[in-house]
């Protein structure tokens, strides 16, 4: 079973939606056309990671003097953790034929 999948038909959700969309952006499943949006877990994870990323950047920047590399490391860690947290979407419309 995939970590990020449509709650209606269980087809995988696009990686680009999970990593680069806003919290208010809706996603339509390619297979069953179910409309989904991010749930509370995604919002809490994002806010927690934003705080964690700021702290991590200040720590890494003291070890890596190049600010571009420090920023790159923080983004990699941020997106990796965001990808690892499951069940970040919920159905908006329940009346979809599966």
PDB file of N, CA and C in Angstrom:
ATOM      1  N   UNK A   1       0.836  -1.170   0.000  1.00  0.00           N
ATOM      2  CA  UNK A   1       0.000   0.000   0.000  1.00  0.00           C
ATOM      3  C   UNK A   1       0.885   1.239   0.000  1.00  0.00           C
ATOM      4  N   UNK A   2       0.558   2.196  -0.858  1.00  0.00           N
ATOM      5  CA  UNK A   2       1.345   3.420  -0.980  1.00  0.00           C
ATOM      6  C   UNK A   2       1.132   4.321   0.237  1.00  0.00           C
ATOM      7  N   UNK A   3       2.131   5.104   0.542  1.00  0.00           N
ATOM      8  CA  UNK A   3       2.062   5.996   1.691  1.00  0.00           C
ATOM      9  C   UNK A   3       1.103   7.158   1.428  1.00  0.00           C
ATOM     10  N   UNK A   4       1.130   7.704   0.210  1.00  0.00           N
ATOM     11  CA  UNK A   4       0.274   8.819  -0.171  1.00  0.00           C
ATOM     12  C   UNK A   4      -0.602   8.370  -1.324  1.00  0.00           C
ATOM     13  N   UNK A   5      -1.877   8.149  -1.018  1.00  0.00           N
ATOM     14  CA  UNK A   5      -2.782   7.615  -2.019  1.00  0.00           C
ATOM     15  C   UNK A   5      -4.159   8.249  -1.881  1.00  0.00           C
ATOM     16  N   UNK A   6      -4.924   8.123  -2.939  1.00  0.00           N
ATOM     17  CA  UNK A   6      -6.299   8.625  -2.958  1.00  0.00           C
ATOM     18  C   UNK A   6      -7.127   7.832  -1.938  1.00  0.00           C
ATOM     19  N   UNK A   7      -7.854   8.509  -1.055  1.00  0.00           N
ATOM     20  CA  UNK A   7      -8.685   7.792  -0.088  1.00  0.00           C
ATOM     21  C   UNK A   7      -9.843   7.029  -0.741  1.00  0.00           C
ATOM     22  N   UNK A   8     -10.178   7.383  -1.976  1.00  0.00           N
ATOM     23  CA  UNK A   8     -11.304   6.764  -2.657  1.00  0.00           C
ATOM     24  C   UNK A   8     -10.889   5.517  -3.434  1.00  0.00           C
ATOM     25  N   UNK A   9      -9.865   5.629  -4.301  1.00  0.00           N
ATOM     26  CA  UNK A   9      -9.492   4.504  -5.162  1.00  0.00           C
ATOM     27  C   UNK A   9      -8.100   3.945  -4.867  1.00  0.00           C
ATOM     28  N   UNK A  10      -7.369   4.564  -3.966  1.00  0.00           N
ATOM     29  CA  UNK A  10      -6.046   4.125  -3.514  1.00  0.00           C
ATOM     30  C   UNK A  10      -4.969   4.219  -4.599  1.00  0.00           C
ATOM     31  N   UNK A  11      -5.145   5.072  -5.597  1.00  0.00           N
ATOM     32  CA  UNK A  11      -4.076   5.304  -6.570  1.00  0.00           C
ATOM     33  C   UNK A  11      -3.116   6.331  -5.982  1.00  0.00           C
ATOM     34  N   UNK A  12      -1.843   6.298  -6.371  1.00  0.00           N
ATOM     35  CA  UNK A  12      -0.850   7.195  -5.777  1.00  0.00           C
ATOM     36  C   UNK A  12      -1.144   8.667  -6.066  1.00  0.00           C
ATOM     37  N   UNK A  13      -0.813   9.522  -5.109  1.00  0.00           N
ATOM     38  CA  UNK A  13      -0.950  10.964  -5.269  1.00  0.00           C
ATOM     39  C   UNK A  13       0.377  11.509  -5.770  1.00  0.00           C
ATOM     40  N   UNK A  14       0.293  12.484  -6.628  1.00  0.00           N
ATOM     41  CA  UNK A  14       1.471  13.090  -7.233  1.00  0.00           C
ATOM     42  C   UNK A  14       2.426  13.644  -6.180  1.00  0.00           C
ATOM     43  N   UNK A  15       3.701  13.359  -6.349  1.00  0.00           N
ATOM     44  CA  UNK A  15       4.726  13.871  -5.437  1.00  0.00           C
ATOM     45  C   UNK A  15       4.782  15.390  -5.487  1.00  0.00           C
ATOM     46  N   UNK A  16       4.611  15.970  -6.666  1.00  0.00           N
ATOM     47  CA  UNK A  16       4.668  17.427  -6.791  1.00  0.00           C
ATOM     48  C   UNK A  16       3.539  18.098  -6.007  1.00  0.00           C
ATOM     49  N   UNK A  17       2.365  17.467  -5.953  1.00  0.00           N
ATOM     50  CA  UNK A  17       1.277  18.044  -5.154  1.00  0.00           C
ATOM     51  C   UNK A  17       1.645  18.048  -3.676  1.00  0.00           C
ATOM     52  N   UNK A  18       2.175  16.961  -3.189  1.00  0.00           N
ATOM     53  CA  UNK A  18       2.487  16.870  -1.763  1.00  0.00           C
ATOM     54  C   UNK A  18       3.609  17.808  -1.338  1.00  0.00           C
ATOM     55  N   UNK A  19       4.588  18.006  -2.200  1.00  0.00           N
ATOM     56  CA  UNK A  19       5.741  18.787  -1.787  1.00  0.00           C
ATOM     57  C   UNK A  19       5.643  20.273  -2.107  1.00  0.00           C
ATOM     58  N   UNK A  20       4.936  20.640  -3.160  1.00  0.00           N
ATOM     59  CA  UNK A  20       5.001  22.024  -3.612  1.00  0.00           C
ATOM     60  C   UNK A  20       3.666  22.767  -3.606  1.00  0.00           C
ATOM     61  N   UNK A  21       2.582  22.134  -3.203  1.00  0.00           N
ATOM     62  CA  UNK A  21       1.292  22.823  -3.220  1.00  0.00           C
ATOM     63  C   UNK A  21       1.069  23.587  -1.918  1.00  0.00           C
ATOM     64  N   UNK A  22       0.187  24.562  -1.996  1.00  0.00           N
ATOM     65  CA  UNK A  22      -0.222  25.282  -0.792  1.00  0.00           C
ATOM     66  C   UNK A  22      -1.201  24.403  -0.026  1.00  0.00           C
ATOM     67  N   UNK A  23      -1.466  24.774   1.210  1.00  0.00           N
ATOM     68  CA  UNK A  23      -2.386  23.986   2.025  1.00  0.00           C
ATOM     69  C   UNK A  23      -3.825  24.134   1.561  1.00  0.00           C
ATOM     70  N   UNK A  24      -4.134  25.201   0.834  1.00  0.00           N
ATOM     71  CA  UNK A  24      -5.496  25.422   0.360  1.00  0.00           C
ATOM     72  C   UNK A  24      -5.720  24.861  -1.047  1.00  0.00           C
ATOM     73  N   UNK A  25      -4.673  24.384  -1.709  1.00  0.00           N
ATOM     74  CA  UNK A  25      -4.799  23.853  -3.054  1.00  0.00           C
ATOM     75  C   UNK A  25      -5.493  22.505  -3.015  1.00  0.00           C
ATOM     76  N   UNK A  26      -6.435  22.319  -3.939  1.00  0.00           N
ATOM     77  CA  UNK A  26      -7.131  21.041  -4.023  1.00  0.00           C
ATOM     78  C   UNK A  26      -6.510  20.196  -5.128  1.00  0.00           C
ATOM     79  N   UNK A  27      -6.633  18.898  -4.991  1.00  0.00           N
ATOM     80  CA  UNK A  27      -6.048  17.939  -5.931  1.00  0.00           C
ATOM     81  C   UNK A  27      -7.149  16.998  -6.409  1.00  0.00           C
ATOM     82  N   UNK A  28      -7.192  16.777  -7.711  1.00  0.00           N
ATOM     83  CA  UNK A  28      -8.167  15.840  -8.265  1.00  0.00           C
ATOM     84  C   UNK A  28      -7.423  14.585  -8.689  1.00  0.00           C
ATOM     85  N   UNK A  29      -7.895  13.438  -8.198  1.00  0.00           N
ATOM     86  CA  UNK A  29      -7.278  12.151  -8.511  1.00  0.00           C
ATOM     87  C   UNK A  29      -7.344  11.898 -10.016  1.00  0.00           C
ATOM     88  N   UNK A  30      -6.263  11.431 -10.572  1.00  0.00           N
ATOM     89  CA  UNK A  30      -6.188  11.174 -11.998  1.00  0.00           C
ATOM     90  C   UNK A  30      -7.054   9.978 -12.380  1.00  0.00           C
ATOM     91  N   UNK A  31      -7.164   9.012 -11.502  1.00  0.00           N
ATOM     92  CA  UNK A  31      -7.881   7.779 -11.816  1.00  0.00           C
ATOM     93  C   UNK A  31      -9.392   7.883 -11.600  1.00  0.00           C
ATOM     94  N   UNK A  32      -9.837   8.382 -10.432  1.00  0.00           N
ATOM     95  CA  UNK A  32     -11.268   8.375 -10.112  1.00  0.00           C
ATOM     96  C   UNK A  32     -11.896   9.768 -10.047  1.00  0.00           C
ATOM     97  N   UNK A  33     -11.122  10.812 -10.240  1.00  0.00           N
ATOM     98  CA  UNK A  33     -11.579  12.211 -10.223  1.00  0.00           C
ATOM     99  C   UNK A  33     -12.086  12.673  -8.857  1.00  0.00           C
ATOM    100  N   UNK A  34     -11.689  12.020  -7.790  1.00  0.00           N
ATOM    101  CA  UNK A  34     -12.069  12.464  -6.448  1.00  0.00           C
ATOM    102  C   UNK A  34     -11.305  13.739  -6.107  1.00  0.00           C
ATOM    103  N   UNK A  35     -11.987  14.680  -5.505  1.00  0.00           N
ATOM    104  CA  UNK A  35     -11.379  15.946  -5.126  1.00  0.00           C
ATOM    105  C   UNK A  35     -10.878  15.848  -3.693  1.00  0.00           C
ATOM    106  N   UNK A  36      -9.602  16.181  -3.497  1.00  0.00           N
ATOM    107  CA  UNK A  36      -8.974  16.069  -2.183  1.00  0.00           C
ATOM    108  C   UNK A  36      -8.340  17.392  -1.798  1.00  0.00           C
ATOM    109  N   UNK A  37      -8.131  17.557  -0.533  1.00  0.00           N
ATOM    110  CA  UNK A  37      -7.415  18.711  -0.014  1.00  0.00           C
ATOM    111  C   UNK A  37      -6.575  18.247   1.172  1.00  0.00           C
ATOM    112  N   UNK A  38      -5.625  19.087   1.581  1.00  0.00           N
ATOM    113  CA  UNK A  38      -4.777  18.707   2.708  1.00  0.00           C
ATOM    114  C   UNK A  38      -5.582  18.744   3.998  1.00  0.00           C
ATOM    115  N   UNK A  39      -5.238  17.850   4.904  1.00  0.00           N
ATOM    116  CA  UNK A  39      -5.957  17.787   6.176  1.00  0.00           C
ATOM    117  C   UNK A  39      -5.140  18.428   7.290  1.00  0.00           C
ATOM    118  N   UNK A  40      -5.628  18.297   8.494  1.00  0.00           N
ATOM    119  CA  UNK A  40      -4.981  18.925   9.647  1.00  0.00           C
ATOM    120  C   UNK A  40      -3.565  18.389   9.884  1.00  0.00           C
ATOM    121  N   UNK A  41      -3.350  17.122   9.619  1.00  0.00           N
ATOM    122  CA  UNK A  41      -2.027  16.524   9.827  1.00  0.00           C
ATOM    123  C   UNK A  41      -0.981  17.206   8.955  1.00  0.00           C
ATOM    124  N   UNK A  42      -1.338  17.496   7.696  1.00  0.00           N
ATOM    125  CA  UNK A  42      -0.404  18.161   6.784  1.00  0.00           C
ATOM    126  C   UNK A  42      -0.074  19.569   7.270  1.00  0.00           C
ATOM    127  N   UNK A  43      -1.085  20.283   7.755  1.00  0.00           N
ATOM    128  CA  UNK A  43      -0.867  21.651   8.223  1.00  0.00           C
ATOM    129  C   UNK A  43       0.019  21.682   9.471  1.00  0.00           C
ATOM    130  N   UNK A  44      -0.240  20.782  10.399  1.00  0.00           N
ATOM    131  CA  UNK A  44       0.572  20.723  11.619  1.00  0.00           C
ATOM    132  C   UNK A  44       2.002  20.299  11.288  1.00  0.00           C
ATOM    133  N   UNK A  45       2.137  19.323  10.390  1.00  0.00           N
ATOM    134  CA  UNK A  45       3.473  18.882   9.978  1.00  0.00           C
ATOM    135  C   UNK A  45       4.235  20.015   9.316  1.00  0.00           C
ATOM    136  N   UNK A  46       3.577  20.752   8.440  1.00  0.00           N
ATOM    137  CA  UNK A  46       4.225  21.872   7.756  1.00  0.00           C
ATOM    138  C   UNK A  46       4.679  22.959   8.709  1.00  0.00           C
ATOM    139  N   UNK A  47       3.827  23.320   9.662  1.00  0.00           N
ATOM    140  CA  UNK A  47       4.195  24.353  10.627  1.00  0.00           C
ATOM    141  C   UNK A  47       5.336  23.895  11.536  1.00  0.00           C
ATOM    142  N   UNK A  48       5.271  22.659  11.958  1.00  0.00           N
ATOM    143  CA  UNK A  48       6.341  22.114  12.794  1.00  0.00           C
ATOM    144  C   UNK A  48       7.661  22.085  12.038  1.00  0.00           C
ATOM    145  N   UNK A  49       7.602  21.646  10.784  1.00  0.00           N
ATOM    146  CA  UNK A  49       8.817  21.592   9.986  1.00  0.00           C
ATOM    147  C   UNK A  49       9.362  22.972   9.656  1.00  0.00           C
ATOM    148  N   UNK A  50       8.498  23.965   9.501  1.00  0.00           N
ATOM    149  CA  UNK A  50       8.968  25.331   9.253  1.00  0.00           C
ATOM    150  C   UNK A  50       9.777  25.836  10.444  1.00  0.00           C
ATOM    151  N   UNK A  51       9.279  25.617  11.653  1.00  0.00           N
ATOM    152  CA  UNK A  51      10.016  26.003  12.855  1.00  0.00           C
ATOM    153  C   UNK A  51      11.308  25.200  12.966  1.00  0.00           C
ATOM    154  N   UNK A  52      11.219  23.893  12.729  1.00  0.00           N
ATOM    155  CA  UNK A  52      12.384  23.030  12.800  1.00  0.00           C
ATOM    156  C   UNK A  52      13.434  23.432  11.762  1.00  0.00           C
ATOM    157  N   UNK A  53      12.983  23.825  10.583  1.00  0.00           N
ATOM    158  CA  UNK A  53      13.903  24.211   9.515  1.00  0.00           C
ATOM    159  C   UNK A  53      14.671  25.483   9.870  1.00  0.00           C
ATOM    160  N   UNK A  54      13.987  26.431  10.485  1.00  0.00           N
ATOM    161  CA  UNK A  54      14.667  27.663  10.893  1.00  0.00           C
ATOM    162  C   UNK A  54      15.739  27.365  11.939  1.00  0.00           C
ATOM    163  N   UNK A  55      15.417  26.507  12.879  1.00  0.00           N
ATOM    164  CA  UNK A  55      16.385  26.112  13.901  1.00  0.00           C
ATOM    165  C   UNK A  55      17.538  25.324  13.286  1.00  0.00           C
ATOM    166  N   UNK A  56      17.195  24.390  12.397  1.00  0.00           N
ATOM    167  CA  UNK A  56      18.216  23.580  11.735  1.00  0.00           C
ATOM    168  C   UNK A  56      19.150  24.441  10.892  1.00  0.00           C
ATOM    169  N   UNK A  57      18.594  25.457  10.218  1.00  0.00           N
ATOM    170  CA  UNK A  57      19.425  26.334   9.395  1.00  0.00           C
ATOM    171  C   UNK A  57      20.452  27.074  10.242  1.00  0.00           C
ATOM    172  N   UNK A  58      20.041  27.572  11.392  1.00  0.00           N
ATOM    173  CA  UNK A  58      20.982  28.300  12.239  1.00  0.00           C
ATOM    174  C   UNK A  58      22.087  27.380  12.759  1.00  0.00           C
ATOM    175  N   UNK A  59      21.753  26.130  13.039  1.00  0.00           N
ATOM    176  CA  UNK A  59      22.763  25.172  13.510  1.00  0.00           C
ATOM    177  C   UNK A  59      23.700  24.784  12.367  1.00  0.00           C
ATOM    178  N   UNK A  60      23.136  24.451  11.214  1.00  0.00           N
ATOM    179  CA  UNK A  60      23.954  24.020  10.072  1.00  0.00           C
ATOM    180  C   UNK A  60      24.807  25.163   9.550  1.00  0.00           C
ATOM    181  N   UNK A  61      24.279  26.371   9.585  1.00  0.00           N
ATOM    182  CA  UNK A  61      25.041  27.516   9.074  1.00  0.00           C
ATOM    183  C   UNK A  61      26.290  27.775   9.902  1.00  0.00           C
ATOM    184  N   UNK A  62      26.303  27.366  11.158  1.00  0.00           N
ATOM    185  CA  UNK A  62      27.515  27.531  11.964  1.00  0.00           C
ATOM    186  C   UNK A  62      28.585  26.504  11.582  1.00  0.00           C
ATOM    187  N   UNK A  63      28.162  25.350  11.027  1.00  0.00           N
ATOM    188  CA  UNK A  63      29.114  24.330  10.589  1.00  0.00           C
ATOM    189  C   UNK A  63      29.477  24.460   9.122  1.00  0.00           C
ATOM    190  N   UNK A  64      28.532  24.897   8.303  1.00  0.00           N
ATOM    191  CA  UNK A  64      28.776  25.065   6.872  1.00  0.00           C
ATOM    192  C   UNK A  64      28.716  26.563   6.579  1.00  0.00           C
ATOM    193  N   UNK A  65      29.842  27.193   6.315  1.00  0.00           N
ATOM    194  CA  UNK A  65      29.836  28.645   6.118  1.00  0.00           C
ATOM    195  C   UNK A  65      29.128  29.084   4.828  1.00  0.00           C
ATOM    196  N   UNK A  66      29.003  28.199   3.856  1.00  0.00           N
ATOM    197  CA  UNK A  66      28.333  28.538   2.610  1.00  0.00           C
ATOM    198  C   UNK A  66      26.823  28.485   2.834  1.00  0.00           C
ATOM    199  N   UNK A  67      26.157  29.627   2.740  1.00  0.00           N
ATOM    200  CA  UNK A  67      24.729  29.683   3.048  1.00  0.00           C
ATOM    201  C   UNK A  67      23.882  28.928   2.021  1.00  0.00           C
ATOM    202  N   UNK A  68      24.345  28.828   0.761  1.00  0.00           N
ATOM    203  CA  UNK A  68      23.599  28.073  -0.242  1.00  0.00           C
ATOM    204  C   UNK A  68      23.556  26.598   0.125  1.00  0.00           C
ATOM    205  N   UNK A  69      24.674  26.030   0.531  1.00  0.00           N
ATOM    206  CA  UNK A  69      24.708  24.618   0.914  1.00  0.00           C
ATOM    207  C   UNK A  69      23.885  24.357   2.174  1.00  0.00           C
ATOM    208  N   UNK A  70      23.943  25.292   3.116  1.00  0.00           N
ATOM    209  CA  UNK A  70      23.143  25.146   4.333  1.00  0.00           C
ATOM    210  C   UNK A  70      21.648  25.172   4.001  1.00  0.00           C
ATOM    211  N   UNK A  71      21.248  26.068   3.114  1.00  0.00           N
ATOM    212  CA  UNK A  71      19.850  26.135   2.694  1.00  0.00           C
ATOM    213  C   UNK A  71      19.438  24.874   1.957  1.00  0.00           C
ATOM    214  N   UNK A  72      20.306  24.356   1.110  1.00  0.00           N
ATOM    215  CA  UNK A  72      20.024  23.138   0.365  1.00  0.00           C
ATOM    216  C   UNK A  72      19.825  21.947   1.303  1.00  0.00           C
ATOM    217  N   UNK A  73      20.663  21.831   2.303  1.00  0.00           N
ATOM    218  CA  UNK A  73      20.532  20.747   3.279  1.00  0.00           C
ATOM    219  C   UNK A  73      19.203  20.859   4.030  1.00  0.00           C
ATOM    220  N   UNK A  74      18.828  22.068   4.421  1.00  0.00           N
ATOM    221  CA  UNK A  74      17.571  22.275   5.145  1.00  0.00           C
ATOM    222  C   UNK A  74      16.382  21.910   4.263  1.00  0.00           C
ATOM    223  N   UNK A  75      16.402  22.306   2.985  1.00  0.00           N
ATOM    224  CA  UNK A  75      15.302  21.958   2.076  1.00  0.00           C
ATOM    225  C   UNK A  75      15.201  20.454   1.864  1.00  0.00           C
ATOM    226  N   UNK A  76      16.316  19.790   1.743  1.00  0.00           N
ATOM    227  CA  UNK A  76      16.297  18.331   1.563  1.00  0.00           C
ATOM    228  C   UNK A  76      15.698  17.655   2.792  1.00  0.00           C
ATOM    229  N   UNK A  77      16.098  18.081   3.956  1.00  0.00           N
ATOM    230  CA  UNK A  77      15.550  17.511   5.193  1.00  0.00           C
ATOM    231  C   UNK A  77      14.063  17.823   5.311  1.00  0.00           C
ATOM    232  N   UNK A  78      13.666  19.061   5.019  1.00  0.00           N
ATOM    233  CA  UNK A  78      12.267  19.475   5.108  1.00  0.00           C
ATOM    234  C   UNK A  78      11.379  18.638   4.191  1.00  0.00           C
ATOM    235  N   UNK A  79      11.752  18.530   2.924  1.00  0.00           N
ATOM    236  CA  UNK A  79      10.924  17.797   1.967  1.00  0.00           C
ATOM    237  C   UNK A  79      10.938  16.296   2.232  1.00  0.00           C
ATOM    238  N   UNK A  80      12.043  15.778   2.731  1.00  0.00           N
ATOM    239  CA  UNK A  80      12.094  14.345   3.046  1.00  0.00           C
ATOM    240  C   UNK A  80      11.142  14.002   4.185  1.00  0.00           C
ATOM    241  N   UNK A  81      11.142  14.804   5.225  1.00  0.00           N
ATOM    242  CA  UNK A  81      10.250  14.536   6.357  1.00  0.00           C
ATOM    243  C   UNK A  81       8.796  14.746   5.939  1.00  0.00           C
ATOM    244  N   UNK A  82       8.532  15.789   5.148  1.00  0.00           N
ATOM    245  CA  UNK A  82       7.170  16.022   4.671  1.00  0.00           C
ATOM    246  C   UNK A  82       6.674  14.851   3.833  1.00  0.00           C
ATOM    247  N   UNK A  83       7.551  14.227   3.074  1.00  0.00           N
ATOM    248  CA  UNK A  83       7.177  13.082   2.251  1.00  0.00           C
ATOM    249  C   UNK A  83       6.949  11.833   3.105  1.00  0.00           C
ATOM    250  N   UNK A  84       7.631  11.704   4.226  1.00  0.00           N
ATOM    251  CA  UNK A  84       7.522  10.500   5.046  1.00  0.00           C
ATOM    252  C   UNK A  84       6.251  10.444   5.901  1.00  0.00           C
ATOM    253  N   UNK A  85       5.614  11.573   6.157  1.00  0.00           N
ATOM    254  CA  UNK A  85       4.408  11.586   6.991  1.00  0.00           C
ATOM    255  C   UNK A  85       3.216  11.140   6.147  1.00  0.00           C
ATOM    256  N   UNK A  86       2.534  10.053   6.525  1.00  0.00           N
ATOM    257  CA  UNK A  86       1.416   9.535   5.717  1.00  0.00           C
ATOM    258  C   UNK A  86       0.093  10.247   6.011  1.00  0.00           C
ATOM    259  N   UNK A  87      -0.908   9.944   5.182  1.00  0.00           N
ATOM    260  CA  UNK A  87      -2.295  10.397   5.365  1.00  0.00           C
ATOM    261  C   UNK A  87      -2.418  11.908   5.519  1.00  0.00           C
ATOM    262  N   UNK A  88      -1.953  12.645   4.516  1.00  0.00           N
ATOM    263  CA  UNK A  88      -1.996  14.102   4.574  1.00  0.00           C
ATOM    264  C   UNK A  88      -3.129  14.704   3.753  1.00  0.00           C
ATOM    265  N   UNK A  89      -3.966  13.869   3.140  1.00  0.00           N
ATOM    266  CA  UNK A  89      -5.083  14.391   2.335  1.00  0.00           C
ATOM    267  C   UNK A  89      -6.388  13.758   2.779  1.00  0.00           C
ATOM    268  N   UNK A  90      -7.489  14.477   2.494  1.00  0.00           N
ATOM    269  CA  UNK A  90      -8.814  13.946   2.767  1.00  0.00           C
ATOM    270  C   UNK A  90      -9.729  14.316   1.612  1.00  0.00           C
ATOM    271  N   UNK A  91     -10.795  13.531   1.446  1.00  0.00           N
ATOM    272  CA  UNK A  91     -11.748  13.777   0.360  1.00  0.00           C
ATOM    273  C   UNK A  91     -12.560  15.036   0.646  1.00  0.00           C
ATOM    274  N   UNK A  92     -12.814  15.790  -0.426  1.00  0.00           N
ATOM    275  CA  UNK A  92     -13.675  16.965  -0.311  1.00  0.00           C
ATOM    276  C   UNK A  92     -15.090  16.568  -0.694  1.00  0.00           C
ATOM    277  N   UNK A  93     -15.238  15.824  -1.800  1.00  0.00           N
ATOM    278  CA  UNK A  93     -16.561  15.387  -2.217  1.00  0.00           C
ATOM    279  C   UNK A  93     -16.667  13.882  -2.065  1.00  0.00           C
ATOM    280  N   UNK A  94     -17.682  13.444  -1.384  1.00  0.00           N
ATOM    281  CA  UNK A  94     -17.865  12.014  -1.094  1.00  0.00           C
ATOM    282  C   UNK A  94     -18.643  11.287  -2.182  1.00  0.00           C
ATOM    283  N   UNK A  95     -19.253  12.018  -3.099  1.00  0.00           N
ATOM    284  CA  UNK A  95     -20.132  11.433  -4.098  1.00  0.00           C
ATOM    285  C   UNK A  95     -19.397  11.136  -5.395  1.00  0.00           C
ATOM    286  N   UNK A  96     -18.319  10.399  -5.329  1.00  0.00           N
ATOM    287  CA  UNK A  96     -17.523  10.063  -6.496  1.00  0.00           C
ATOM    288  C   UNK A  96     -17.670   8.558  -6.740  1.00  0.00           C
ATOM    289  N   UNK A  97     -17.937   8.192  -7.987  1.00  0.00           N
ATOM    290  CA  UNK A  97     -18.026   6.768  -8.317  1.00  0.00           C
ATOM    291  C   UNK A  97     -16.638   6.188  -8.362  1.00  0.00           C
ATOM    292  N   UNK A  98     -16.430   5.069  -7.707  1.00  0.00           N
ATOM    293  CA  UNK A  98     -15.110   4.455  -7.635  1.00  0.00           C
ATOM    294  C   UNK A  98     -15.036   3.332  -8.506  1.00  0.00           C
TER     295      UNK A  98
END
